[in-house]
Amino acid sequence: MHGLFIKFSNSLGAKSMKYKKAQDILPKHVLELLQEYVDGEYLYIPLKNNSKKSWGEKSGFKKELSDRNREIYNKYQRGMAISQLIGEYYLTESSIRRIIRSEKSRDN
């Protein structure tokens, strides 16, 4: 079947894009106008700028990382050694040091 398909995106990226038949969701006059530009092809329609979420916001992973990083910094402040933090969080020394620097700069 030939026709216009529209590719929609959400904040999860390419893995969750889906196609919908334009004739199933657009008014006839809008469909006819689009067909003047893209007849029988795929059309990608990005999200509105104000509806776009930054990485990790929708899943909550961004907050989880932020909470984890704050926890690492707090434990370091209370005297936990970097070597212990490496073992507990399975991160490299450079990652632990970067987190500590980052969290310390947030405090200032």
Foldseek 3Di string as FASTA:
>chain_A
DFFEKEWEDAQVPDVPIDIDGCVVPDDPVVRVVVCVPPGRDYHYDYDDPVRHDDPCPVVVVVVVVVVVLVVLLVVVVVPDDLVVVCVVVVDDSVVSVVSNVVVVVVVD
